[in-house]
């Protein structure tokens, strides 16, 4: 029974050590991801007006062509 308890304590220690190591590695990576996410959101916000403008122009062109096609139908 003492051997089993000793092994259990050893495994518990290894688990705690592993957990601490993982957390110390994950925190900086998480911070970098959050920083990159912020930069990406900013870039998308900058591009959005341009994309909406082009989308509106294409929509107008499609509507115009649709109207022309409607005139050609018998």
C-alpha atoms as a PDB file:
ATOM      1  CA  UNK A   1       0.000   0.000   0.000  1.00  0.00           C
ATOM      2  CA  UNK A   2       2.899   2.367   0.787  1.00  0.00           C
ATOM      3  CA  UNK A   3       4.363   1.699  -2.659  1.00  0.00           C
ATOM      4  CA  UNK A   4       1.031   2.490  -4.284  1.00  0.00           C
ATOM      5  CA  UNK A   5       0.709   5.753  -2.344  1.00  0.00           C
ATOM      6  CA  UNK A   6       4.282   6.633  -3.216  1.00  0.00           C
ATOM      7  CA  UNK A   7       3.631   5.992  -6.909  1.00  0.00           C
ATOM      8  CA  UNK A   8       0.424   8.017  -6.738  1.00  0.00           C
ATOM      9  CA  UNK A   9       2.269  10.968  -5.191  1.00  0.00           C
ATOM     10  CA  UNK A  10       4.980  10.677  -7.842  1.00  0.00           C
ATOM     11  CA  UNK A  11       2.407  10.719 -10.630  1.00  0.00           C
ATOM     12  CA  UNK A  12       0.585  13.650  -9.015  1.00  0.00           C
ATOM     13  CA  UNK A  13       3.854  15.590  -8.914  1.00  0.00           C
ATOM     14  CA  UNK A  14       4.563  14.824 -12.574  1.00  0.00           C
ATOM     15  CA  UNK A  15       1.057  15.944 -13.523  1.00  0.00           C
ATOM     16  CA  UNK A  16       1.405  19.226 -11.622  1.00  0.00           C
ATOM     17  CA  UNK A  17       4.818  19.841 -13.181  1.00  0.00           C
ATOM     18  CA  UNK A  18       3.462  19.112 -16.661  1.00  0.00           C
ATOM     19  CA  UNK A  19       0.455  21.361 -16.081  1.00  0.00           C
ATOM     20  CA  UNK A  20       2.640  24.239 -14.895  1.00  0.00           C
ATOM     21  CA  UNK A  21       4.897  23.833 -17.937  1.00  0.00           C
ATOM     22  CA  UNK A  22       1.986  23.799 -20.357  1.00  0.00           C
ATOM     23  CA  UNK A  23       0.408  26.895 -18.842  1.00  0.00           C
ATOM     24  CA  UNK A  24       3.703  28.781 -18.978  1.00  0.00           C
ATOM     25  CA  UNK A  25       4.010  27.957 -22.695  1.00  0.00           C
ATOM     26  CA  UNK A  26       0.384  28.584 -23.626  1.00  0.00           C
ATOM     27  CA  UNK A  27       0.015  32.034 -22.016  1.00  0.00           C
ATOM     28  CA  UNK A  28       2.517  33.806 -24.313  1.00  0.00           C
ATOM     29  CA  UNK A  29       1.094  32.076 -27.383  1.00  0.00           C
ATOM     30  CA  UNK A  30      -2.411  33.136 -26.380  1.00  0.00           C
ATOM     31  CA  UNK A  31      -1.237  36.726 -26.005  1.00  0.00           C
ATOM     32  CA  UNK A  32       0.338  36.650 -29.465  1.00  0.00           C
ATOM     33  CA  UNK A  33      -2.854  35.236 -30.967  1.00  0.00           C
ATOM     34  CA  UNK A  34      -4.936  37.963 -29.334  1.00  0.00           C
ATOM     35  CA  UNK A  35      -2.556  40.604 -30.700  1.00  0.00           C
ATOM     36  CA  UNK A  36      -2.735  39.154 -34.208  1.00  0.00           C
ATOM     37  CA  UNK A  37      -6.514  38.907 -33.973  1.00  0.00           C
ATOM     38  CA  UNK A  38      -6.701  42.597 -33.104  1.00  0.00           C
ATOM     39  CA  UNK A  39      -4.498  43.479 -36.073  1.00  0.00           C
ATOM     40  CA  UNK A  40      -6.621  41.332 -38.383  1.00  0.00           C
ATOM     41  CA  UNK A  41      -9.849  42.932 -37.168  1.00  0.00           C
ATOM     42  CA  UNK A  42      -8.324  46.356 -37.736  1.00  0.00           C
ATOM     43  CA  UNK A  43      -7.224  45.459 -41.264  1.00  0.00           C
ATOM     44  CA  UNK A  44     -10.658  44.064 -42.106  1.00  0.00           C
ATOM     45  CA  UNK A  45     -12.344  47.186 -40.752  1.00  0.00           C
ATOM     46  CA  UNK A  46     -10.120  49.283 -43.010  1.00  0.00           C
ATOM     47  CA  UNK A  47     -10.929  47.182 -46.074  1.00  0.00           C
ATOM     48  CA  UNK A  48     -14.654  46.896 -45.448  1.00  0.00           C
ATOM     49  CA  UNK A  49     -15.688  50.270 -46.930  1.00  0.00           C
ATOM     50  CA  UNK A  50     -13.756  49.531 -50.119  1.00  0.00           C
ATOM     51  CA  UNK A  51     -15.288  46.073 -50.440  1.00  0.00           C
ATOM     52  CA  UNK A  52     -18.785  47.429 -49.813  1.00  0.00           C
ATOM     53  CA  UNK A  53     -18.240  50.106 -52.461  1.00  0.00           C
ATOM     54  CA  UNK A  54     -17.134  47.538 -55.056  1.00  0.00           C
ATOM     55  CA  UNK A  55     -19.987  45.246 -54.045  1.00  0.00           C
ATOM     56  CA  UNK A  56     -22.470  48.079 -54.512  1.00  0.00           C
ATOM     57  CA  UNK A  57     -21.059  48.910 -57.951  1.00  0.00           C
ATOM     58  CA  UNK A  58     -21.276  45.264 -59.007  1.00  0.00           C
ATOM     59  CA  UNK A  59     -24.826  45.031 -57.718  1.00  0.00           C
ATOM     60  CA  UNK A  60     -25.797  48.125 -59.704  1.00  0.00           C
ATOM     61  CA  UNK A  61     -24.167  46.684 -62.823  1.00  0.00           C
ATOM     62  CA  UNK A  62     -26.026  43.381 -62.381  1.00  0.00           C
ATOM     63  CA  UNK A  63     -29.321  45.240 -61.950  1.00  0.00           C
ATOM     64  CA  UNK A  64     -28.601  47.263 -65.087  1.00  0.00           C
ATOM     65  CA  UNK A  65     -27.773  44.177 -67.136  1.00  0.00           C
ATOM     66  CA  UNK A  66     -30.851  42.417 -65.767  1.00  0.00           C
ATOM     67  CA  UNK A  67     -32.991  45.357 -66.906  1.00  0.00           C
ATOM     68  CA  UNK A  68     -31.419  45.254 -70.382  1.00  0.00           C
ATOM     69  CA  UNK A  69     -32.074  41.529 -70.642  1.00  0.00           C
ATOM     70  CA  UNK A  70     -35.689  42.061 -69.589  1.00  0.00           C
ATOM     71  CA  UNK A  71     -36.093  44.508 -72.486  1.00  0.00           C
ATOM     72  CA  UNK A  72     -34.811  41.901 -74.968  1.00  0.00           C
ATOM     73  CA  UNK A  73     -37.328  39.248 -73.911  1.00  0.00           C
ATOM     74  CA  UNK A  74     -40.312  38.916 -76.226  1.00  0.00           C
END
